[in-house]
């Protein structure tokens, strides 16, 4: 259990570093209410639906694939 917690902490630290590298910001304030979350999806089949510069797209798709593979080991990526 301790190893899993350490893995999660390490991953969170990596995400904080990625946030800075990708120049992402956290918006403060009230969140929008989502009426029907079943209609939303975060799945990216082939990455073609990502809009933006090609280099950023490749980075995001690569990160997604890395996360999906690492989480499937814990049973999360199914």
Protein backbone atom coordinates (compact mmCIF):
# COMPACT_ATOMS: atom_id res chain seq x y z
CA UNK A 1 0.00 0.00 0.00
CA UNK A 2 2.84 2.38 0.84
CA UNK A 3 4.37 1.80 -2.61
CA UNK A 4 1.07 2.68 -4.29
CA UNK A 5 0.80 5.91 -2.28
CA UNK A 6 4.38 6.81 -3.22
CA UNK A 7 3.62 6.08 -6.88
CA UNK A 8 0.57 8.36 -6.73
CA UNK A 9 2.57 11.14 -5.05
CA UNK A 10 5.30 10.83 -7.68
CA UNK A 11 2.73 10.96 -10.48
CA UNK A 12 1.11 14.06 -8.97
CA UNK A 13 4.50 15.76 -8.79
CA UNK A 14 5.09 14.89 -12.45
CA UNK A 15 1.73 16.41 -13.35
CA UNK A 16 2.59 19.64 -11.53
CA UNK A 17 5.84 19.83 -13.52
CA UNK A 18 3.95 19.10 -16.76
CA UNK A 19 1.49 21.89 -15.93
CA UNK A 20 4.37 24.36 -15.77
CA UNK A 21 6.05 22.97 -18.90
CA UNK A 22 2.82 23.21 -20.93
CA UNK A 23 2.09 26.66 -19.45
CA UNK A 24 -1.30 25.60 -18.13
CA UNK A 25 -3.16 27.69 -15.57
CA UNK A 26 -5.74 26.86 -12.92
CA UNK A 27 -8.79 29.09 -13.17
CA UNK A 28 -10.32 30.12 -9.88
CA UNK A 29 -13.98 30.85 -9.36
CA UNK A 30 -17.30 29.03 -9.55
CA UNK A 31 -17.48 25.92 -11.66
CA UNK A 32 -20.10 25.40 -14.30
CA UNK A 33 -22.84 22.95 -13.46
CA UNK A 34 -22.86 19.96 -15.75
CA UNK A 35 -26.41 18.82 -16.36
CA UNK A 36 -25.69 15.44 -17.91
CA UNK A 37 -22.21 13.99 -17.44
CA UNK A 38 -23.12 10.83 -19.37
CA UNK A 39 -22.94 12.82 -22.60
CA UNK A 40 -19.35 13.84 -21.92
CA UNK A 41 -16.33 11.78 -22.81
CA UNK A 42 -12.61 12.13 -22.33
CA UNK A 43 -11.64 9.25 -24.57
CA UNK A 44 -9.30 10.03 -27.46
CA UNK A 45 -9.32 7.18 -29.97
CA UNK A 46 -6.58 8.22 -32.35
CA UNK A 47 -5.78 11.79 -31.34
CA UNK A 48 -7.20 13.28 -34.55
CA UNK A 49 -9.83 15.22 -32.59
CA UNK A 50 -7.22 17.25 -30.68
CA UNK A 51 -7.08 20.77 -32.08
CA UNK A 52 -3.91 22.82 -31.88
CA UNK A 53 -0.34 22.85 -32.98
CA UNK A 54 0.96 19.51 -34.19
CA UNK A 55 3.80 19.32 -31.66
CA UNK A 56 1.47 19.95 -28.74
CA UNK A 57 -0.94 17.37 -30.10
CA UNK A 58 1.80 14.74 -30.23
CA UNK A 59 2.86 15.54 -26.66
CA UNK A 60 -0.72 15.24 -25.39
CA UNK A 61 -1.37 11.97 -27.22
CA UNK A 62 1.91 10.55 -25.92
CA UNK A 63 1.08 11.58 -22.34
CA UNK A 64 -2.39 10.07 -22.68
CA UNK A 65 -0.98 6.78 -23.91
CA UNK A 66 1.57 6.72 -21.07
CA UNK A 67 -1.14 7.36 -18.48
CA UNK A 68 -3.44 4.75 -19.97
CA UNK A 69 -0.72 2.09 -19.92
CA UNK A 70 0.45 2.88 -16.39
CA UNK A 71 -3.09 2.95 -15.01
CA UNK A 72 -4.05 -0.33 -16.65
CA UNK A 73 -1.49 -2.02 -14.38
CA UNK A 74 -3.62 -0.93 -11.40
CA UNK A 75 -6.83 -1.84 -13.18
CA UNK A 76 -7.79 1.80 -13.85
CA UNK A 77 -7.30 1.93 -17.60
CA UNK A 78 -10.00 -0.55 -18.56
